[in-house]
PDB file of N, CA and C in Angstrom:
ATOM      1  N   MET A   1       1.302 212.121-132.748  1.00  0.00           N
ATOM      2  CA  MET A   1      -0.188 213.328-132.266  1.00  0.00           C
ATOM      3  C   MET A   1       0.343 214.368-132.574  1.00  0.00           C
ATOM      4  N   ASN A   2      -0.818 215.044-133.617  1.00  0.00           N
ATOM      5  CA  ASN A   2      -0.924 216.183-134.374  1.00  0.00           C
ATOM      6  C   ASN A   2      -2.001 217.390-133.060  1.00  0.00           C
ATOM      7  N   GLY A   3      -1.305 218.057-133.828  1.00  0.00           N
ATOM      8  CA  GLY A   3      -2.655 219.725-133.290  1.00  0.00           C
ATOM      9  C   GLY A   3      -0.968 220.532-132.239  1.00  0.00           C
ATOM     10  N   VAL A   4      -1.532 221.552-132.016  1.00  0.00           N
ATOM     11  CA  VAL A   4      -0.721 222.957-131.019  1.00  0.00           C
ATOM     12  C   VAL A   4      -1.571 222.912-129.803  1.00  0.00           C
ATOM     13  N   SER A   5       0.206 223.346-129.122  1.00  0.00           N
ATOM     14  CA  SER A   5      -0.303 223.460-127.720  1.00  0.00           C
ATOM     15  C   SER A   5      -0.929 224.537-126.959  1.00  0.00           C
ATOM     16  N   VAL A   6      -1.533 224.596-126.705  1.00  0.00           N
ATOM     17  CA  VAL A   6      -2.374 226.008-126.208  1.00  0.00           C
ATOM     18  C   VAL A   6      -2.142 226.108-124.529  1.00  0.00           C
ATOM     19  N   PHE A   7      -1.943 227.402-124.062  1.00  0.00           N
ATOM     20  CA  PHE A   7      -1.371 227.572-122.532  1.00  0.00           C
ATOM     21  C   PHE A   7      -2.339 228.437-122.338  1.00  0.00           C
ATOM     22  N   LYS A   8      -3.337 228.443-121.878  1.00  0.00           N
ATOM     23  CA  LYS A   8      -3.910 229.332-120.783  1.00  0.00           C
ATOM     24  C   LYS A   8      -4.224 229.399-119.206  1.00  0.00           C
ATOM     25  N   ASN A   9      -3.805 230.242-118.405  1.00  0.00           N
ATOM     26  CA  ASN A   9      -3.915 230.454-117.270  1.00  0.00           C
ATOM     27  C   ASN A   9      -2.915 229.422-116.284  1.00  0.00           C
ATOM     28  N   GLY A  10      -1.772 229.418-117.420  1.00  0.00           N
ATOM     29  CA  GLY A  10      -0.475 228.135-116.485  1.00  0.00           C
ATOM     30  C   GLY A  10      -0.477 227.130-117.407  1.00  0.00           C
ATOM     31  N   VAL A  11      -1.898 226.288-117.878  1.00  0.00           N
ATOM     32  CA  VAL A  11      -2.326 224.843-118.242  1.00  0.00           C
ATOM     33  C   VAL A  11      -2.394 225.239-119.731  1.00  0.00           C
ATOM     34  N   GLY A  12      -1.891 223.579-119.897  1.00  0.00           N
ATOM     35  CA  GLY A  12      -1.605 223.437-121.620  1.00  0.00           C
ATOM     36  C   GLY A  12      -2.479 222.499-122.019  1.00  0.00           C
ATOM     37  N   ARG A  13      -3.081 222.577-122.637  1.00  0.00           N
ATOM     38  CA  ARG A  13      -3.540 221.615-123.566  1.00  0.00           C
ATOM     39  C   ARG A  13      -3.503 221.550-125.666  1.00  0.00           C
ATOM     40  N   LEU A  14      -4.210 220.179-125.684  1.00  0.00           N
ATOM     41  CA  LEU A  14      -3.464 220.073-127.722  1.00  0.00           C
ATOM     42  C   LEU A  14      -4.699 221.019-128.260  1.00  0.00           C
ATOM     43  N   ALA A  15      -4.825 221.232-129.134  1.00  0.00           N
ATOM     44  CA  ALA A  15      -6.014 221.891-129.550  1.00  0.00           C
ATOM     45  C   ALA A  15      -5.684 221.176-131.083  1.00  0.00           C
ATOM     46  N   GLU A  16      -6.484 221.009-131.657  1.00  0.00           N
ATOM     47  CA  GLU A  16      -6.480 220.047-132.946  1.00  0.00           C
ATOM     48  C   GLU A  16      -6.688 221.411-133.785  1.00  0.00           C
ATOM     49  N   ASP A  17      -8.207 222.622-133.377  1.00  0.00           N
ATOM     50  CA  ASP A  17      -7.669 223.740-134.195  1.00  0.00           C
ATOM     51  C   ASP A  17      -7.246 225.016-133.437  1.00  0.00           C
ATOM     52  N   PRO A  18      -6.494 225.636-133.177  1.00  0.00           N
ATOM     53  CA  PRO A  18      -6.229 226.695-132.441  1.00  0.00           C
ATOM     54  C   PRO A  18      -6.820 227.734-132.571  1.00  0.00           C
ATOM     55  N   GLY A  19      -7.137 228.247-133.723  1.00  0.00           N
ATOM     56  CA  GLY A  19      -7.462 229.714-133.878  1.00  0.00           C
ATOM     57  C   GLY A  19      -9.000 229.256-134.067  1.00  0.00           C
ATOM     58  N   SER A  20      -9.774 227.906-133.849  1.00  0.00           N
ATOM     59  CA  SER A  20     -11.109 228.369-133.160  1.00  0.00           C
ATOM     60  C   SER A  20     -11.644 228.509-132.042  1.00  0.00           C
ATOM     61  N   GLU A  21     -11.073 229.166-131.152  1.00  0.00           N
ATOM     62  CA  GLU A  21     -11.335 229.402-129.627  1.00  0.00           C
ATOM     63  C   GLU A  21     -10.304 230.831-129.767  1.00  0.00           C
ATOM     64  N   VAL A  22     -11.100 232.075-128.933  1.00  0.00           N
ATOM     65  CA  VAL A  22     -10.375 233.156-128.954  1.00  0.00           C
ATOM     66  C   VAL A  22      -9.630 233.230-127.568  1.00  0.00           C
ATOM     67  N   SER A  23      -8.061 233.290-128.112  1.00  0.00           N
ATOM     68  CA  SER A  23      -7.453 233.459-127.192  1.00  0.00           C
ATOM     69  C   SER A  23      -6.553 234.813-126.986  1.00  0.00           C
ATOM     70  N   GLY A  24      -6.266 235.287-126.359  1.00  0.00           N
ATOM     71  CA  GLY A  24      -5.447 236.917-125.862  1.00  0.00           C
ATOM     72  C   GLY A  24      -5.722 237.710-127.047  1.00  0.00           C
ATOM     73  N   GLY A  25      -7.118 237.721-128.029  1.00  0.00           N
ATOM     74  CA  GLY A  25      -7.748 238.025-128.452  1.00  0.00           C
ATOM     75  C   GLY A  25      -6.929 238.017-130.035  1.00  0.00           C
ATOM     76  N   ILE A  26      -6.833 236.538-129.674  1.00  0.00           N
ATOM     77  CA  ILE A  26      -6.144 236.091-131.760  1.00  0.00           C
ATOM     78  C   ILE A  26      -6.691 234.696-131.986  1.00  0.00           C
ATOM     79  N   GLY A  27      -7.926 234.955-133.173  1.00  0.00           N
ATOM     80  CA  GLY A  27      -8.296 234.116-133.466  1.00  0.00           C
ATOM     81  C   GLY A  27      -9.918 234.704-134.049  1.00  0.00           C
ATOM     82  N   ARG A  28     -10.892 233.060-134.577  1.00  0.00           N
ATOM     83  CA  ARG A  28     -12.197 233.563-134.584  1.00  0.00           C
ATOM     84  C   ARG A  28     -13.161 233.543-133.579  1.00  0.00           C
ATOM     85  N   ARG A  29     -13.864 234.604-133.352  1.00  0.00           N
ATOM     86  CA  ARG A  29     -14.774 234.473-132.335  1.00  0.00           C
ATOM     87  C   ARG A  29     -15.787 233.287-133.096  1.00  0.00           C
ATOM     88  N   LYS A  30     -16.365 233.179-132.424  1.00  0.00           N
ATOM     89  CA  LYS A  30     -18.336 232.110-132.524  1.00  0.00           C
ATOM     90  C   LYS A  30     -19.379 233.356-132.187  1.00  0.00           C
ATOM     91  N   VAL A  31     -20.071 233.132-133.022  1.00  0.00           N
ATOM     92  CA  VAL A  31     -21.984 234.418-132.132  1.00  0.00           C
ATOM     93  C   VAL A  31     -22.354 233.517-133.053  1.00  0.00           C
ATOM     94  N   LEU A  32     -23.755 233.608-132.121  1.00  0.00           N
ATOM     95  CA  LEU A  32     -25.131 233.165-132.383  1.00  0.00           C
ATOM     96  C   LEU A  32     -26.017 234.108-133.304  1.00  0.00           C
ATOM     97  N   ILE A  33     -26.460 233.244-134.325  1.00  0.00           N
ATOM     98  CA  ILE A  33     -27.195 233.334-135.146  1.00  0.00           C
ATOM     99  C   ILE A  33     -28.706 233.874-135.130  1.00  0.00           C
ATOM    100  N   HIS A  34     -29.672 234.038-135.015  1.00  0.00           N
ATOM    101  CA  HIS A  34     -30.986 233.895-135.035  1.00  0.00           C
ATOM    102  C   HIS A  34     -31.503 233.691-136.297  1.00  0.00           C
ATOM    103  N   ILE A  35     -31.804 232.530-136.965  1.00  0.00           N
ATOM    104  CA  ILE A  35     -31.652 232.074-138.518  1.00  0.00           C
ATOM    105  C   ILE A  35     -33.085 233.398-139.040  1.00  0.00           C
ATOM    106  N   PRO A  36     -34.188 232.753-138.290  1.00  0.00           N
ATOM    107  CA  PRO A  36     -35.215 233.134-139.234  1.00  0.00           C
ATOM    108  C   PRO A  36     -34.982 235.124-139.437  1.00  0.00           C
ATOM    109  N   THR A  37     -34.311 236.355-138.156  1.00  0.00           N
ATOM    110  CA  THR A  37     -34.298 237.134-138.701  1.00  0.00           C
ATOM    111  C   THR A  37     -32.182 237.704-139.542  1.00  0.00           C
ATOM    112  N   ASN A  38     -31.719 236.336-139.090  1.00  0.00           N
ATOM    113  CA  ASN A  38     -30.485 236.679-139.865  1.00  0.00           C
ATOM    114  C   ASN A  38     -29.458 237.707-138.321  1.00  0.00           C
ATOM    115  N   GLU A  39     -30.216 237.489-137.258  1.00  0.00           N
ATOM    116  CA  GLU A  39     -29.717 238.472-136.121  1.00  0.00           C
ATOM    117  C   GLU A  39     -28.659 238.092-135.291  1.00  0.00           C
ATOM    118  N   VAL A  40     -27.463 238.682-134.928  1.00  0.00           N
ATOM    119  CA  VAL A  40     -26.569 238.544-133.906  1.00  0.00           C
ATOM    120  C   VAL A  40     -27.174 238.969-132.493  1.00  0.00           C
ATOM    121  N   ILE A  41     -26.554 237.546-132.393  1.00  0.00           N
ATOM    122  CA  ILE A  41     -27.504 237.725-130.328  1.00  0.00           C
ATOM    123  C   ILE A  41     -26.358 238.266-129.664  1.00  0.00           C
ATOM    124  N   THR A  42     -26.963 239.624-129.269  1.00  0.00           N
ATOM    125  CA  THR A  42     -25.269 240.405-128.725  1.00  0.00           C
ATOM    126  C   THR A  42     -25.816 240.323-126.962  1.00  0.00           C
ATOM    127  N   SER A  43     -26.592 239.930-126.441  1.00  0.00           N
ATOM    128  CA  SER A  43     -27.004 240.021-125.077  1.00  0.00           C
ATOM    129  C   SER A  43     -28.108 239.367-124.750  1.00  0.00           C
ATOM    130  N   TYR A  44     -28.330 238.981-123.253  1.00  0.00           N
ATOM    131  CA  TYR A  44     -29.337 237.939-122.751  1.00  0.00           C
ATOM    132  C   TYR A  44     -31.001 238.419-122.916  1.00  0.00           C
ATOM    133  N   ALA A  45     -30.621 239.895-122.974  1.00  0.00           N
ATOM    134  CA  ALA A  45     -32.963 240.110-123.731  1.00  0.00           C
ATOM    135  C   ALA A  45     -32.729 239.541-124.760  1.00  0.00           C
ATOM    136  N   ASP A  46     -31.995 240.054-125.758  1.00  0.00           N
ATOM    137  CA  ASP A  46     -31.988 239.222-127.281  1.00  0.00           C
ATOM    138  C   ASP A  46     -32.194 238.061-127.069  1.00  0.00           C
ATOM    139  N   LEU A  47     -31.249 236.902-126.437  1.00  0.00           N
ATOM    140  CA  LEU A  47     -31.404 235.386-126.508  1.00  0.00           C
ATOM    141  C   LEU A  47     -32.996 234.992-125.871  1.00  0.00           C
ATOM    142  N   GLU A  48     -33.346 236.197-124.446  1.00  0.00           N
ATOM    143  CA  GLU A  48     -34.878 235.603-123.723  1.00  0.00           C
ATOM    144  C   GLU A  48     -35.134 235.774-124.964  1.00  0.00           C
ATOM    145  N   ARG A  49     -35.803 236.733-125.580  1.00  0.00           N
ATOM    146  CA  ARG A  49     -36.733 237.349-126.279  1.00  0.00           C
ATOM    147  C   ARG A  49     -37.188 236.029-126.926  1.00  0.00           C
ATOM    148  N   LYS A  50     -36.353 235.710-127.886  1.00  0.00           N
ATOM    149  CA  LYS A  50     -35.928 234.893-128.837  1.00  0.00           C
ATOM    150  C   LYS A  50     -36.564 233.707-128.336  1.00  0.00           C
ATOM    151  N   LEU A  51     -36.121 232.924-127.594  1.00  0.00           N
ATOM    152  CA  LEU A  51     -36.710 231.566-126.211  1.00  0.00           C
ATOM    153  C   LEU A  51     -37.623 231.659-125.920  1.00  0.00           C
ATOM    154  N   SER A  52     -38.275 233.389-125.621  1.00  0.00           N
ATOM    155  CA  SER A  52     -39.791 233.116-124.836  1.00  0.00           C
ATOM    156  C   SER A  52     -40.787 232.948-126.270  1.00  0.00           C
ATOM    157  N   SER A  53     -40.065 233.274-127.415  1.00  0.00           N
ATOM    158  CA  SER A  53     -41.364 233.457-128.597  1.00  0.00           C
ATOM    159  C   SER A  53     -41.635 231.642-128.749  1.00  0.00           C
ATOM    160  N   LEU A  54     -40.322 231.558-128.590  1.00  0.00           N
ATOM    161  CA  LEU A  54     -40.261 229.534-129.311  1.00  0.00           C
ATOM    162  C   LEU A  54     -40.799 228.638-127.818  1.00  0.00           C
ATOM    163  N   GLY A  55     -41.294 228.940-126.615  1.00  0.00           N
ATOM    164  CA  GLY A  55     -41.745 228.415-125.658  1.00  0.00           C
ATOM    165  C   GLY A  55     -40.796 228.320-124.642  1.00  0.00           C
ATOM    166  N   TRP A  56     -39.297 228.785-124.635  1.00  0.00           N
ATOM    167  CA  TRP A  56     -38.800 228.529-123.372  1.00  0.00           C
ATOM    168  C   TRP A  56     -39.055 229.694-122.542  1.00  0.00           C
ATOM    169  N   GLU A  57     -38.830 228.560-120.834  1.00  0.00           N
ATOM    170  CA  GLU A  57     -39.581 229.843-120.040  1.00  0.00           C
ATOM    171  C   GLU A  57     -38.028 229.935-118.861  1.00  0.00           C
ATOM    172  N   ARG A  58     -38.045 231.309-118.816  1.00  0.00           N
ATOM    173  CA  ARG A  58     -36.552 231.116-118.332  1.00  0.00           C
ATOM    174  C   ARG A  58     -37.056 230.662-115.868  1.00  0.00           C
ATOM    175  N   TYR A  59     -36.187 230.181-115.641  1.00  0.00           N
ATOM    176  CA  TYR A  59     -36.091 229.570-114.199  1.00  0.00           C
ATOM    177  C   TYR A  59     -35.332 230.669-113.705  1.00  0.00           C
ATOM    178  N   TYR A  60     -35.166 231.008-112.617  1.00  0.00           N
ATOM    179  CA  TYR A  60     -34.629 232.057-111.470  1.00  0.00           C
ATOM    180  C   TYR A  60     -33.727 231.144-110.286  1.00  0.00           C
ATOM    181  N   ASN A  61     -33.344 230.225-110.654  1.00  0.00           N
ATOM    182  CA  ASN A  61     -33.092 229.764-109.006  1.00  0.00           C
ATOM    183  C   ASN A  61     -31.633 229.442-108.382  1.00  0.00           C
ATOM    184  N   ASP A  62     -30.985 229.746-109.243  1.00  0.00           N
ATOM    185  CA  ASP A  62     -29.450 229.495-110.020  1.00  0.00           C
ATOM    186  C   ASP A  62     -28.890 230.917-109.997  1.00  0.00           C
ATOM    187  N   PRO A  63     -27.546 231.338-109.124  1.00  0.00           N
ATOM    188  CA  PRO A  63     -27.502 232.505-108.673  1.00  0.00           C
ATOM    189  C   PRO A  63     -26.186 232.637-110.053  1.00  0.00           C
ATOM    190  N   GLU A  64     -25.353 231.323-110.066  1.00  0.00           N
ATOM    191  CA  GLU A  64     -24.186 231.361-111.081  1.00  0.00           C
ATOM    192  C   GLU A  64     -24.692 231.835-113.274  1.00  0.00           C
ATOM    193  N   LEU A  65     -26.176 230.910-112.999  1.00  0.00           N
ATOM    194  CA  LEU A  65     -26.540 230.483-114.367  1.00  0.00           C
ATOM    195  C   LEU A  65     -27.767 230.899-114.511  1.00  0.00           C
ATOM    196  N   LEU A  66     -28.186 231.343-116.033  1.00  0.00           N
ATOM    197  CA  LEU A  66     -29.588 231.746-116.586  1.00  0.00           C
ATOM    198  C   LEU A  66     -30.007 230.618-117.005  1.00  0.00           C
ATOM    199  N   ARG A  67     -30.961 229.991-116.873  1.00  0.00           N
ATOM    200  CA  ARG A  67     -31.361 228.509-116.893  1.00  0.00           C
ATOM    201  C   ARG A  67     -32.944 228.752-117.489  1.00  0.00           C
ATOM    202  N   PHE A  68     -33.287 228.275-118.871  1.00  0.00           N
ATOM    203  CA  PHE A  68     -34.583 228.579-119.413  1.00  0.00           C
ATOM    204  C   PHE A  68     -34.694 227.300-119.892  1.00  0.00           C
ATOM    205  N   HIS A  69     -35.981 226.712-119.866  1.00  0.00           N
ATOM    206  CA  HIS A  69     -36.680 225.316-119.627  1.00  0.00           C
ATOM    207  C   HIS A  69     -37.746 225.550-120.976  1.00  0.00           C
ATOM    208  N   LYS A  70     -38.788 224.363-121.702  1.00  0.00           N
ATOM    209  CA  LYS A  70     -39.223 224.048-122.326  1.00  0.00           C
ATOM    210  C   LYS A  70     -40.106 223.252-121.460  1.00  0.00           C
ATOM    211  N   ARG A  71     -41.548 223.829-121.212  1.00  0.00           N
ATOM    212  CA  ARG A  71     -43.004 222.813-120.830  1.00  0.00           C
ATOM    213  C   ARG A  71     -42.442 221.281-121.314  1.00  0.00           C
ATOM    214  N   SER A  72     -42.769 221.957-122.988  1.00  0.00           N
ATOM    215  CA  SER A  72     -42.751 220.676-123.840  1.00  0.00           C
ATOM    216  C   SER A  72     -41.875 219.642-124.049  1.00  0.00           C
ATOM    217  N   THR A  73     -40.996 219.736-123.278  1.00  0.00           N
ATOM    218  CA  THR A  73     -40.204 218.707-123.017  1.00  0.00           C
ATOM    219  C   THR A  73     -38.796 218.901-122.035  1.00  0.00           C
ATOM    220  N   LEU A  74     -38.695 217.821-121.711  1.00  0.00           N
ATOM    221  CA  LEU A  74     -37.251 217.977-120.855  1.00  0.00           C
ATOM    222  C   LEU A  74     -35.941 218.742-121.038  1.00  0.00           C
ATOM    223  N   ASP A  75     -35.908 219.393-121.746  1.00  0.00           N
ATOM    224  CA  ASP A  75     -34.494 219.719-122.153  1.00  0.00           C
ATOM    225  C   ASP A  75     -35.191 221.352-121.257  1.00  0.00           C
ATOM    226  N   LEU A  76     -33.239 221.553-120.811  1.00  0.00           N
ATOM    227  CA  LEU A  76     -32.738 222.523-120.117  1.00  0.00           C
ATOM    228  C   LEU A  76     -31.310 223.262-121.025  1.00  0.00           C
ATOM    229  N   ILE A  77     -31.715 224.499-120.765  1.00  0.00           N
ATOM    230  CA  ILE A  77     -31.156 225.550-121.231  1.00  0.00           C
ATOM    231  C   ILE A  77     -29.655 225.969-119.849  1.00  0.00           C
ATOM    232  N   SER A  78     -28.639 226.329-120.513  1.00  0.00           N
ATOM    233  CA  SER A  78     -28.229 226.670-118.940  1.00  0.00           C
ATOM    234  C   SER A  78     -27.032 227.846-119.980  1.00  0.00           C
ATOM    235  N   VAL A  79     -26.862 228.716-119.458  1.00  0.00           N
ATOM    236  CA  VAL A  79     -25.854 229.550-119.676  1.00  0.00           C
ATOM    237  C   VAL A  79     -24.919 230.248-118.954  1.00  0.00           C
ATOM    238  N   PRO A  80     -23.751 230.905-118.992  1.00  0.00           N
ATOM    239  CA  PRO A  80     -23.619 231.773-117.301  1.00  0.00           C
ATOM    240  C   PRO A  80     -24.222 233.359-117.912  1.00  0.00           C
ATOM    241  N   LYS A  81     -23.991 233.556-116.214  1.00  0.00           N
ATOM    242  CA  LYS A  81     -25.327 234.344-115.775  1.00  0.00           C
ATOM    243  C   LYS A  81     -24.391 235.565-116.416  1.00  0.00           C
ATOM    244  N   ASP A  82     -22.644 235.756-117.070  1.00  0.00           N
ATOM    245  CA  ASP A  82     -22.150 236.927-117.363  1.00  0.00           C
ATOM    246  C   ASP A  82     -22.339 236.641-119.239  1.00  0.00           C
ATOM    247  N   PHE A  83     -22.811 237.136-119.476  1.00  0.00           N
ATOM    248  CA  PHE A  83     -23.021 237.079-121.645  1.00  0.00           C
ATOM    249  C   PHE A  83     -21.404 236.797-121.889  1.00  0.00           C
ATOM    250  N   LYS A  84     -20.474 237.652-121.556  1.00  0.00           N
ATOM    251  CA  LYS A  84     -19.574 237.870-122.004  1.00  0.00           C
ATOM    252  C   LYS A  84     -18.587 236.717-121.932  1.00  0.00           C
ATOM    253  N   LYS A  85     -19.101 235.562-120.636  1.00  0.00           N
ATOM    254  CA  LYS A  85     -18.495 233.883-120.217  1.00  0.00           C
ATOM    255  C   LYS A  85     -19.231 232.913-121.394  1.00  0.00           C
ATOM    256  N   LEU A  86     -20.507 233.683-122.429  1.00  0.00           N
ATOM    257  CA  LEU A  86     -20.772 232.708-123.237  1.00  0.00           C
ATOM    258  C   LEU A  86     -19.627 232.068-124.167  1.00  0.00           C
ATOM    259  N   LYS A  87     -19.699 230.746-124.487  1.00  0.00           N
ATOM    260  CA  LYS A  87     -18.810 230.176-124.731  1.00  0.00           C
ATOM    261  C   LYS A  87     -19.912 229.413-125.908  1.00  0.00           C
ATOM    262  N   SER A  88     -18.889 228.926-127.001  1.00  0.00           N
ATOM    263  CA  SER A  88     -19.930 227.963-128.441  1.00  0.00           C
ATOM    264  C   SER A  88     -19.826 227.210-127.182  1.00  0.00           C
ATOM    265  N   VAL A  89     -19.792 226.203-126.830  1.00  0.00           N
ATOM    266  CA  VAL A  89     -20.516 225.218-126.130  1.00  0.00           C
ATOM    267  C   VAL A  89     -22.205 225.114-125.933  1.00  0.00           C
ATOM    268  N   HIS A  90     -22.126 226.518-124.977  1.00  0.00           N
ATOM    269  CA  HIS A  90     -23.076 227.632-125.253  1.00  0.00           C
ATOM    270  C   HIS A  90     -24.179 227.029-125.842  1.00  0.00           C
ATOM    271  N   MET A  91     -23.451 228.170-126.948  1.00  0.00           N
ATOM    272  CA  MET A  91     -23.832 228.129-127.958  1.00  0.00           C
ATOM    273  C   MET A  91     -24.448 227.167-129.196  1.00  0.00           C
ATOM    274  N   TYR A  92     -23.994 225.944-129.194  1.00  0.00           N
ATOM    275  CA  TYR A  92     -24.284 224.584-129.760  1.00  0.00           C
ATOM    276  C   TYR A  92     -25.185 224.024-128.597  1.00  0.00           C
ATOM    277  N   ASP A  93     -24.941 224.325-127.662  1.00  0.00           N
ATOM    278  CA  ASP A  93     -26.395 223.621-126.936  1.00  0.00           C
ATOM    279  C   ASP A  93     -27.982 223.999-127.307  1.00  0.00           C
ATOM    280  N   ILE A  94     -27.726 225.524-127.394  1.00  0.00           N
ATOM    281  CA  ILE A  94     -28.660 225.948-127.747  1.00  0.00           C
ATOM    282  C   ILE A  94     -28.954 225.496-129.453  1.00  0.00           C
ATOM    283  N   VAL A  95     -29.054 226.066-130.287  1.00  0.00           N
ATOM    284  CA  VAL A  95     -28.471 225.272-131.596  1.00  0.00           C
ATOM    285  C   VAL A  95     -29.396 224.051-131.786  1.00  0.00           C
ATOM    286  N   VAL A  96     -28.466 223.022-130.226  1.00  0.00           N
ATOM    287  CA  VAL A  96     -28.955 221.326-131.035  1.00  0.00           C
ATOM    288  C   VAL A  96     -30.206 221.782-130.494  1.00  0.00           C
ATOM    289  N   LYS A  97     -30.615 222.472-129.271  1.00  0.00           N
ATOM    290  CA  LYS A  97     -32.564 222.306-128.892  1.00  0.00           C
ATOM    291  C   LYS A  97     -33.201 223.288-129.139  1.00  0.00           C
ATOM    292  N   ASN A  98     -32.979 224.103-130.524  1.00  0.00           N
ATOM    293  CA  ASN A  98     -33.464 224.360-130.787  1.00  0.00           C
ATOM    294  C   ASN A  98     -33.249 224.677-132.853  1.00  0.00           C
ATOM    295  N   PRO A  99     -33.042 223.404-133.549  1.00  0.00           N
ATOM    296  CA  PRO A  99     -32.943 223.663-134.841  1.00  0.00           C
ATOM    297  C   PRO A  99     -33.977 224.504-135.834  1.00  0.00           C
ATOM    298  N   ASN A 100     -33.026 224.890-136.827  1.00  0.00           N
ATOM    299  CA  ASN A 100     -33.709 225.693-137.786  1.00  0.00           C
ATOM    300  C   ASN A 100     -33.421 227.260-137.467  1.00  0.00           C
ATOM    301  N   ILE A 101     -33.535 227.369-136.359  1.00  0.00           N
ATOM    302  CA  ILE A 101     -34.173 228.612-135.283  1.00  0.00           C
ATOM    303  C   ILE A 101     -32.917 229.298-135.396  1.00  0.00           C
ATOM    304  N   PHE A 102     -31.493 228.896-134.518  1.00  0.00           N
ATOM    305  CA  PHE A 102     -30.146 229.068-134.052  1.00  0.00           C
ATOM    306  C   PHE A 102     -29.320 229.344-135.383  1.00  0.00           C
ATOM    307  N   LYS A 103     -28.015 229.219-135.435  1.00  0.00           N
ATOM    308  CA  LYS A 103     -26.933 228.432-135.650  1.00  0.00           C
ATOM    309  C   LYS A 103     -25.643 229.134-135.252  1.00  0.00           C
ATOM    310  N   VAL A 104     -24.232 228.857-135.342  1.00  0.00           N
ATOM    311  CA  VAL A 104     -23.668 229.925-135.352  1.00  0.00           C
ATOM    312  C   VAL A 104     -22.337 229.852-135.940  1.00  0.00           C
ATOM    313  N   ARG A 105     -21.711 230.898-135.973  1.00  0.00           N
ATOM    314  CA  ARG A 105     -21.019 231.487-136.951  1.00  0.00           C
ATOM    315  C   ARG A 105     -19.792 231.869-136.662  1.00  0.00           C
ATOM    316  N   ASP A 106     -18.262 231.789-137.331  1.00  0.00           N
ATOM    317  CA  ASP A 106     -17.170 232.517-137.061  1.00  0.00           C
ATOM    318  C   ASP A 106     -18.000 234.098-137.468  1.00  0.00           C
ATOM    319  N   MET A 107     -16.505 234.959-136.316  1.00  0.00           N
ATOM    320  CA  MET A 107     -16.892 236.168-136.846  1.00  0.00           C
ATOM    321  C   MET A 107     -15.710 236.727-137.616  1.00  0.00           C
TER     322      MET A 107
END
């Protein structure tokens, strides 16, 4: 078994690429990029503007999450209410549901 054990909050796990997540300020941080403008999304206000222009609408029914729905699809984007808690898994969810509009890049 290859990899490195990473400990966070007293819990250990095996990481294939330990540099892919920020851990205690060390490692590579991921950022969400709006491809048409090459703009880094730095807030939910930025993200909501971009998603709205693509037909996504905001749901207001969850105190823990921000949710966006597109009427023409069954897709739902859910992200934590605190932008600082946005992780690469959330970013990739946005990318998959908006191909050629967003990408994730190492900072």
